[in-house]
Amino acid sequence: MAAGLTDPTEIPLAVLTVFASARLMREIFERLRQPGIVGEILAGLLVGPHVLAWIRSNDFLTALSEMGVRFLSAA
């Protein structure tokens, strides 16, 4: 188990929250005729530990986020 986790459902719920919020913000931004990626990045900022703090950082989620940044910069 990753460091700092007490509940085994924490990681799947965190991933689901991130994906759902990113998809929602993408849809909103595309309907406003703005780039969807901007909405996805904004969603990550909102649900992350710095604004709403719905997601707490741990080793596993940090690794996933770093991988996402690499994919984003390669695209």
PDB file of N, CA and C in Angstrom:
ATOM      1  N   MET A   1       0.845  -1.184   0.000  1.00  0.00           N
ATOM      2  CA  MET A   1       0.000   0.000   0.000  1.00  0.00           C
ATOM      3  C   MET A   1       0.888   1.243   0.000  1.00  0.00           C
ATOM      4  N   ALA A   2       0.458   2.297  -0.672  1.00  0.00           N
ATOM      5  CA  ALA A   2       1.229   3.529  -0.753  1.00  0.00           C
ATOM      6  C   ALA A   2       1.276   4.222   0.609  1.00  0.00           C
ATOM      7  N   ALA A   3       2.305   5.010   0.788  1.00  0.00           N
ATOM      8  CA  ALA A   3       2.488   5.694   2.067  1.00  0.00           C
ATOM      9  C   ALA A   3       1.346   6.652   2.347  1.00  0.00           C
ATOM     10  N   GLY A   4       0.844   6.630   3.572  1.00  0.00           N
ATOM     11  CA  GLY A   4      -0.168   7.568   3.990  1.00  0.00           C
ATOM     12  C   GLY A   4      -1.598   7.144   3.721  1.00  0.00           C
ATOM     13  N   LEU A   5      -1.799   5.981   3.128  1.00  0.00           N
ATOM     14  CA  LEU A   5      -3.158   5.537   2.836  1.00  0.00           C
ATOM     15  C   LEU A   5      -3.695   4.690   3.972  1.00  0.00           C
ATOM     16  N   THR A   6      -4.918   4.967   4.375  1.00  0.00           N
ATOM     17  CA  THR A   6      -5.543   4.170   5.422  1.00  0.00           C
ATOM     18  C   THR A   6      -6.700   3.349   4.886  1.00  0.00           C
ATOM     19  N   ASP A   7      -7.301   3.778   3.810  1.00  0.00           N
ATOM     20  CA  ASP A   7      -8.458   3.117   3.237  1.00  0.00           C
ATOM     21  C   ASP A   7      -8.093   2.571   1.854  1.00  0.00           C
ATOM     22  N   PRO A   8      -8.346   1.271   1.589  1.00  0.00           N
ATOM     23  CA  PRO A   8      -7.974   0.715   0.279  1.00  0.00           C
ATOM     24  C   PRO A   8      -8.781   1.279  -0.885  1.00  0.00           C
ATOM     25  N   THR A   9      -9.882   1.943  -0.626  1.00  0.00           N
ATOM     26  CA  THR A   9     -10.677   2.532  -1.710  1.00  0.00           C
ATOM     27  C   THR A   9     -10.254   3.956  -2.028  1.00  0.00           C
ATOM     28  N   GLU A  10      -9.278   4.471  -1.323  1.00  0.00           N
ATOM     29  CA  GLU A  10      -8.890   5.867  -1.502  1.00  0.00           C
ATOM     30  C   GLU A  10      -8.324   6.140  -2.899  1.00  0.00           C
ATOM     31  N   ILE A  11      -7.460   5.280  -3.410  1.00  0.00           N
ATOM     32  CA  ILE A  11      -6.851   5.508  -4.718  1.00  0.00           C
ATOM     33  C   ILE A  11      -7.889   5.431  -5.834  1.00  0.00           C
ATOM     34  N   PRO A  12      -8.723   4.372  -5.913  1.00  0.00           N
ATOM     35  CA  PRO A  12      -9.721   4.353  -6.995  1.00  0.00           C
ATOM     36  C   PRO A  12     -10.691   5.544  -6.944  1.00  0.00           C
ATOM     37  N   LEU A  13     -11.089   5.955  -5.759  1.00  0.00           N
ATOM     38  CA  LEU A  13     -11.976   7.113  -5.647  1.00  0.00           C
ATOM     39  C   LEU A  13     -11.269   8.400  -6.076  1.00  0.00           C
ATOM     40  N   ALA A  14     -10.009   8.525  -5.748  1.00  0.00           N
ATOM     41  CA  ALA A  14      -9.243   9.703  -6.153  1.00  0.00           C
ATOM     42  C   ALA A  14      -9.101   9.753  -7.665  1.00  0.00           C
ATOM     43  N   VAL A  15      -8.780   8.616  -8.272  1.00  0.00           N
ATOM     44  CA  VAL A  15      -8.637   8.572  -9.730  1.00  0.00           C
ATOM     45  C   VAL A  15      -9.977   8.867 -10.405  1.00  0.00           C
ATOM     46  N   LEU A  16     -11.052   8.298  -9.885  1.00  0.00           N
ATOM     47  CA  LEU A  16     -12.382   8.555 -10.435  1.00  0.00           C
ATOM     48  C   LEU A  16     -12.744  10.039 -10.320  1.00  0.00           C
ATOM     49  N   THR A  17     -12.445  10.645  -9.197  1.00  0.00           N
ATOM     50  CA  THR A  17     -12.721  12.069  -8.999  1.00  0.00           C
ATOM     51  C   THR A  17     -11.955  12.923  -9.992  1.00  0.00           C
ATOM     52  N   VAL A  18     -10.689  12.596 -10.185  1.00  0.00           N
ATOM     53  CA  VAL A  18      -9.863  13.364 -11.125  1.00  0.00           C
ATOM     54  C   VAL A  18     -10.389  13.217 -12.549  1.00  0.00           C
ATOM     55  N   PHE A  19     -10.654  11.975 -12.974  1.00  0.00           N
ATOM     56  CA  PHE A  19     -11.134  11.763 -14.341  1.00  0.00           C
ATOM     57  C   PHE A  19     -12.505  12.392 -14.568  1.00  0.00           C
ATOM     58  N   ALA A  20     -13.411  12.249 -13.618  1.00  0.00           N
ATOM     59  CA  ALA A  20     -14.757  12.808 -13.777  1.00  0.00           C
ATOM     60  C   ALA A  20     -14.722  14.330 -13.824  1.00  0.00           C
ATOM     61  N   SER A  21     -13.955  14.942 -12.946  1.00  0.00           N
ATOM     62  CA  SER A  21     -13.886  16.402 -12.944  1.00  0.00           C
ATOM     63  C   SER A  21     -13.193  16.918 -14.201  1.00  0.00           C
ATOM     64  N   ALA A  22     -12.171  16.208 -14.668  1.00  0.00           N
ATOM     65  CA  ALA A  22     -11.485  16.622 -15.892  1.00  0.00           C
ATOM     66  C   ALA A  22     -12.420  16.529 -17.094  1.00  0.00           C
ATOM     67  N   ARG A  23     -13.202  15.452 -17.158  1.00  0.00           N
ATOM     68  CA  ARG A  23     -14.139  15.286 -18.274  1.00  0.00           C
ATOM     69  C   ARG A  23     -15.225  16.366 -18.247  1.00  0.00           C
ATOM     70  N   LEU A  24     -15.731  16.664 -17.064  1.00  0.00           N
ATOM     71  CA  LEU A  24     -16.759  17.694 -16.921  1.00  0.00           C
ATOM     72  C   LEU A  24     -16.225  19.066 -17.351  1.00  0.00           C
ATOM     73  N   MET A  25     -15.049  19.407 -16.873  1.00  0.00           N
ATOM     74  CA  MET A  25     -14.475  20.709 -17.219  1.00  0.00           C
ATOM     75  C   MET A  25     -14.118  20.774 -18.706  1.00  0.00           C
ATOM     76  N   ARG A  26     -13.689  19.655 -19.289  1.00  0.00           N
ATOM     77  CA  ARG A  26     -13.412  19.622 -20.721  1.00  0.00           C
ATOM     78  C   ARG A  26     -14.689  19.932 -21.514  1.00  0.00           C
ATOM     79  N   GLU A  27     -15.778  19.286 -21.135  1.00  0.00           N
ATOM     80  CA  GLU A  27     -17.052  19.525 -21.819  1.00  0.00           C
ATOM     81  C   GLU A  27     -17.482  20.987 -21.702  1.00  0.00           C
ATOM     82  N   ILE A  28     -17.365  21.540 -20.513  1.00  0.00           N
ATOM     83  CA  ILE A  28     -17.759  22.944 -20.298  1.00  0.00           C
ATOM     84  C   ILE A  28     -16.912  23.869 -21.163  1.00  0.00           C
ATOM     85  N   PHE A  29     -15.603  23.658 -21.171  1.00  0.00           N
ATOM     86  CA  PHE A  29     -14.728  24.537 -21.940  1.00  0.00           C
ATOM     87  C   PHE A  29     -14.951  24.382 -23.438  1.00  0.00           C
ATOM     88  N   GLU A  30     -15.195  23.158 -23.912  1.00  0.00           N
ATOM     89  CA  GLU A  30     -15.454  22.975 -25.336  1.00  0.00           C
ATOM     90  C   GLU A  30     -16.768  23.620 -25.750  1.00  0.00           C
ATOM     91  N   ARG A  31     -17.772  23.592 -24.897  1.00  0.00           N
ATOM     92  CA  ARG A  31     -19.037  24.270 -25.212  1.00  0.00           C
ATOM     93  C   ARG A  31     -18.859  25.790 -25.234  1.00  0.00           C
ATOM     94  N   LEU A  32     -17.893  26.271 -24.479  1.00  0.00           N
ATOM     95  CA  LEU A  32     -17.577  27.701 -24.500  1.00  0.00           C
ATOM     96  C   LEU A  32     -16.584  28.044 -25.615  1.00  0.00           C
ATOM     97  N   ARG A  33     -16.297  27.054 -26.481  1.00  0.00           N
ATOM     98  CA  ARG A  33     -15.371  27.193 -27.610  1.00  0.00           C
ATOM     99  C   ARG A  33     -13.960  27.553 -27.163  1.00  0.00           C
ATOM    100  N   GLN A  34     -13.543  26.919 -26.076  1.00  0.00           N
ATOM    101  CA  GLN A  34     -12.190  27.063 -25.554  1.00  0.00           C
ATOM    102  C   GLN A  34     -11.511  25.689 -25.614  1.00  0.00           C
ATOM    103  N   PRO A  35     -10.197  25.648 -25.578  1.00  0.00           N
ATOM    104  CA  PRO A  35      -9.512  24.349 -25.617  1.00  0.00           C
ATOM    105  C   PRO A  35      -9.885  23.490 -24.408  1.00  0.00           C
ATOM    106  N   GLY A  36     -10.235  22.239 -24.660  1.00  0.00           N
ATOM    107  CA  GLY A  36     -10.633  21.334 -23.586  1.00  0.00           C
ATOM    108  C   GLY A  36      -9.531  21.056 -22.601  1.00  0.00           C
ATOM    109  N   ILE A  37      -8.276  21.080 -23.061  1.00  0.00           N
ATOM    110  CA  ILE A  37      -7.150  20.787 -22.175  1.00  0.00           C
ATOM    111  C   ILE A  37      -7.039  21.825 -21.064  1.00  0.00           C
ATOM    112  N   VAL A  38      -7.452  23.045 -21.342  1.00  0.00           N
ATOM    113  CA  VAL A  38      -7.428  24.094 -20.319  1.00  0.00           C
ATOM    114  C   VAL A  38      -8.410  23.740 -19.199  1.00  0.00           C
ATOM    115  N   GLY A  39      -9.567  23.225 -19.565  1.00  0.00           N
ATOM    116  CA  GLY A  39     -10.534  22.790 -18.567  1.00  0.00           C
ATOM    117  C   GLY A  39     -10.021  21.623 -17.744  1.00  0.00           C
ATOM    118  N   GLU A  40      -9.314  20.693 -18.396  1.00  0.00           N
ATOM    119  CA  GLU A  40      -8.764  19.554 -17.664  1.00  0.00           C
ATOM    120  C   GLU A  40      -7.706  19.994 -16.664  1.00  0.00           C
ATOM    121  N   ILE A  41      -6.852  20.902 -17.077  1.00  0.00           N
ATOM    122  CA  ILE A  41      -5.818  21.404 -16.168  1.00  0.00           C
ATOM    123  C   ILE A  41      -6.459  22.169 -15.010  1.00  0.00           C
ATOM    124  N   LEU A  42      -7.455  22.980 -15.308  1.00  0.00           N
ATOM    125  CA  LEU A  42      -8.162  23.713 -14.259  1.00  0.00           C
ATOM    126  C   LEU A  42      -8.843  22.760 -13.278  1.00  0.00           C
ATOM    127  N   ALA A  43      -9.412  21.678 -13.782  1.00  0.00           N
ATOM    128  CA  ALA A  43     -10.037  20.683 -12.908  1.00  0.00           C
ATOM    129  C   ALA A  43      -9.014  20.076 -11.961  1.00  0.00           C
ATOM    130  N   GLY A  44      -7.836  19.773 -12.471  1.00  0.00           N
ATOM    131  CA  GLY A  44      -6.776  19.237 -11.614  1.00  0.00           C
ATOM    132  C   GLY A  44      -6.361  20.208 -10.529  1.00  0.00           C
ATOM    133  N   LEU A  45      -6.307  21.480 -10.882  1.00  0.00           N
ATOM    134  CA  LEU A  45      -5.969  22.488  -9.875  1.00  0.00           C
ATOM    135  C   LEU A  45      -7.064  22.614  -8.820  1.00  0.00           C
ATOM    136  N   LEU A  46      -8.313  22.525  -9.260  1.00  0.00           N
ATOM    137  CA  LEU A  46      -9.426  22.689  -8.322  1.00  0.00           C
ATOM    138  C   LEU A  46      -9.544  21.536  -7.329  1.00  0.00           C
ATOM    139  N   VAL A  47      -9.499  20.296  -7.811  1.00  0.00           N
ATOM    140  CA  VAL A  47      -9.714  19.159  -6.905  1.00  0.00           C
ATOM    141  C   VAL A  47      -8.449  18.749  -6.170  1.00  0.00           C
ATOM    142  N   GLY A  48      -7.314  19.258  -6.589  1.00  0.00           N
ATOM    143  CA  GLY A  48      -6.043  18.915  -5.959  1.00  0.00           C
ATOM    144  C   GLY A  48      -5.892  19.510  -4.571  1.00  0.00           C
ATOM    145  N   PRO A  49      -4.741  19.281  -3.976  1.00  0.00           N
ATOM    146  CA  PRO A  49      -4.541  19.682  -2.579  1.00  0.00           C
ATOM    147  C   PRO A  49      -4.418  21.181  -2.334  1.00  0.00           C
ATOM    148  N   HIS A  50      -4.378  21.992  -3.402  1.00  0.00           N
ATOM    149  CA  HIS A  50      -4.137  23.416  -3.200  1.00  0.00           C
ATOM    150  C   HIS A  50      -5.396  24.277  -3.153  1.00  0.00           C
ATOM    151  N   VAL A  51      -6.505  23.828  -3.721  1.00  0.00           N
ATOM    152  CA  VAL A  51      -7.713  24.657  -3.729  1.00  0.00           C
ATOM    153  C   VAL A  51      -8.806  23.998  -2.891  1.00  0.00           C
ATOM    154  N   LEU A  52      -9.482  22.999  -3.426  1.00  0.00           N
ATOM    155  CA  LEU A  52     -10.563  22.340  -2.688  1.00  0.00           C
ATOM    156  C   LEU A  52     -10.068  21.201  -1.789  1.00  0.00           C
ATOM    157  N   ALA A  53      -8.894  20.688  -2.086  1.00  0.00           N
ATOM    158  CA  ALA A  53      -8.260  19.614  -1.311  1.00  0.00           C
ATOM    159  C   ALA A  53      -9.129  18.356  -1.231  1.00  0.00           C
ATOM    160  N   TRP A  54      -9.803  18.017  -2.338  1.00  0.00           N
ATOM    161  CA  TRP A  54     -10.572  16.770  -2.380  1.00  0.00           C
ATOM    162  C   TRP A  54      -9.642  15.580  -2.497  1.00  0.00           C
ATOM    163  N   ILE A  55      -8.461  15.792  -3.074  1.00  0.00           N
ATOM    164  CA  ILE A  55      -7.490  14.728  -3.297  1.00  0.00           C
ATOM    165  C   ILE A  55      -6.244  15.042  -2.474  1.00  0.00           C
ATOM    166  N   ARG A  56      -5.835  14.067  -1.657  1.00  0.00           N
ATOM    167  CA  ARG A  56      -4.587  14.206  -0.919  1.00  0.00           C
ATOM    168  C   ARG A  56      -3.486  13.533  -1.724  1.00  0.00           C
ATOM    169  N   SER A  57      -2.329  14.128  -1.708  1.00  0.00           N
ATOM    170  CA  SER A  57      -1.208  13.587  -2.454  1.00  0.00           C
ATOM    171  C   SER A  57      -0.609  12.386  -1.728  1.00  0.00           C
ATOM    172  N   ASN A  58      -0.226  11.375  -2.494  1.00  0.00           N
ATOM    173  CA  ASN A  58       0.522  10.241  -1.971  1.00  0.00           C
ATOM    174  C   ASN A  58       1.467   9.777  -3.065  1.00  0.00           C
ATOM    175  N   ASP A  59       2.274   8.767  -2.785  1.00  0.00           N
ATOM    176  CA  ASP A  59       3.293   8.320  -3.738  1.00  0.00           C
ATOM    177  C   ASP A  59       2.689   7.860  -5.061  1.00  0.00           C
ATOM    178  N   PHE A  60       1.604   7.098  -5.009  1.00  0.00           N
ATOM    179  CA  PHE A  60       0.992   6.560  -6.216  1.00  0.00           C
ATOM    180  C   PHE A  60       0.413   7.662  -7.083  1.00  0.00           C
ATOM    181  N   LEU A  61      -0.337   8.572  -6.491  1.00  0.00           N
ATOM    182  CA  LEU A  61      -0.943   9.660  -7.259  1.00  0.00           C
ATOM    183  C   LEU A  61       0.110  10.626  -7.793  1.00  0.00           C
ATOM    184  N   THR A  62       1.196  10.807  -7.059  1.00  0.00           N
ATOM    185  CA  THR A  62       2.295  11.637  -7.542  1.00  0.00           C
ATOM    186  C   THR A  62       2.920  11.023  -8.784  1.00  0.00           C
ATOM    187  N   ALA A  63       3.118   9.707  -8.766  1.00  0.00           N
ATOM    188  CA  ALA A  63       3.670   9.019  -9.936  1.00  0.00           C
ATOM    189  C   ALA A  63       2.726   9.133 -11.127  1.00  0.00           C
ATOM    190  N   LEU A  64       1.416   8.971 -10.899  1.00  0.00           N
ATOM    191  CA  LEU A  64       0.447   9.124 -11.985  1.00  0.00           C
ATOM    192  C   LEU A  64       0.456  10.536 -12.558  1.00  0.00           C
ATOM    193  N   SER A  65       0.542  11.527 -11.689  1.00  0.00           N
ATOM    194  CA  SER A  65       0.524  12.911 -12.171  1.00  0.00           C
ATOM    195  C   SER A  65       1.781  13.228 -12.980  1.00  0.00           C
ATOM    196  N   GLU A  66       2.918  12.713 -12.556  1.00  0.00           N
ATOM    197  CA  GLU A  66       4.153  12.928 -13.309  1.00  0.00           C
ATOM    198  C   GLU A  66       4.080  12.262 -14.681  1.00  0.00           C
ATOM    199  N   MET A  67       3.487  11.079 -14.723  1.00  0.00           N
ATOM    200  CA  MET A  67       3.315  10.394 -15.996  1.00  0.00           C
ATOM    201  C   MET A  67       2.377  11.196 -16.906  1.00  0.00           C
ATOM    202  N   GLY A  68       1.320  11.764 -16.343  1.00  0.00           N
ATOM    203  CA  GLY A  68       0.392  12.580 -17.116  1.00  0.00           C
ATOM    204  C   GLY A  68       1.060  13.816 -17.694  1.00  0.00           C
ATOM    205  N   VAL A  69       1.933  14.439 -16.931  1.00  0.00           N
ATOM    206  CA  VAL A  69       2.648  15.621 -17.411  1.00  0.00           C
ATOM    207  C   VAL A  69       3.551  15.229 -18.572  1.00  0.00           C
ATOM    208  N   ARG A  70       4.173  14.080 -18.471  1.00  0.00           N
ATOM    209  CA  ARG A  70       5.042  13.625 -19.575  1.00  0.00           C
ATOM    210  C   ARG A  70       4.235  13.376 -20.839  1.00  0.00           C
ATOM    211  N   PHE A  71       3.057  12.762 -20.710  1.00  0.00           N
ATOM    212  CA  PHE A  71       2.197  12.535 -21.871  1.00  0.00           C
ATOM    213  C   PHE A  71       1.709  13.860 -22.451  1.00  0.00           C
ATOM    214  N   LEU A  72       1.382  14.802 -21.585  1.00  0.00           N
ATOM    215  CA  LEU A  72       0.900  16.095 -22.032  1.00  0.00           C
ATOM    216  C   LEU A  72       1.987  16.844 -22.796  1.00  0.00           C
ATOM    217  N   SER A  73       3.218  16.801 -22.301  1.00  0.00           N
ATOM    218  CA  SER A  73       4.290  17.522 -22.968  1.00  0.00           C
ATOM    219  C   SER A  73       4.702  16.833 -24.274  1.00  0.00           C
ATOM    220  N   ALA A  74       4.425  15.528 -24.409  1.00  0.00           N
ATOM    221  CA  ALA A  74       4.774  14.809 -25.632  1.00  0.00           C
ATOM    222  C   ALA A  74       3.728  15.029 -26.722  1.00  0.00           C
ATOM    223  N   ALA A  75       2.534  15.451 -26.341  1.00  0.00           N
ATOM    224  CA  ALA A  75       1.432  15.585 -27.323  1.00  0.00           C
ATOM    225  C   ALA A  75       1.522  16.826 -28.140  1.00  0.00           C
TER     226      ALA A  75
END
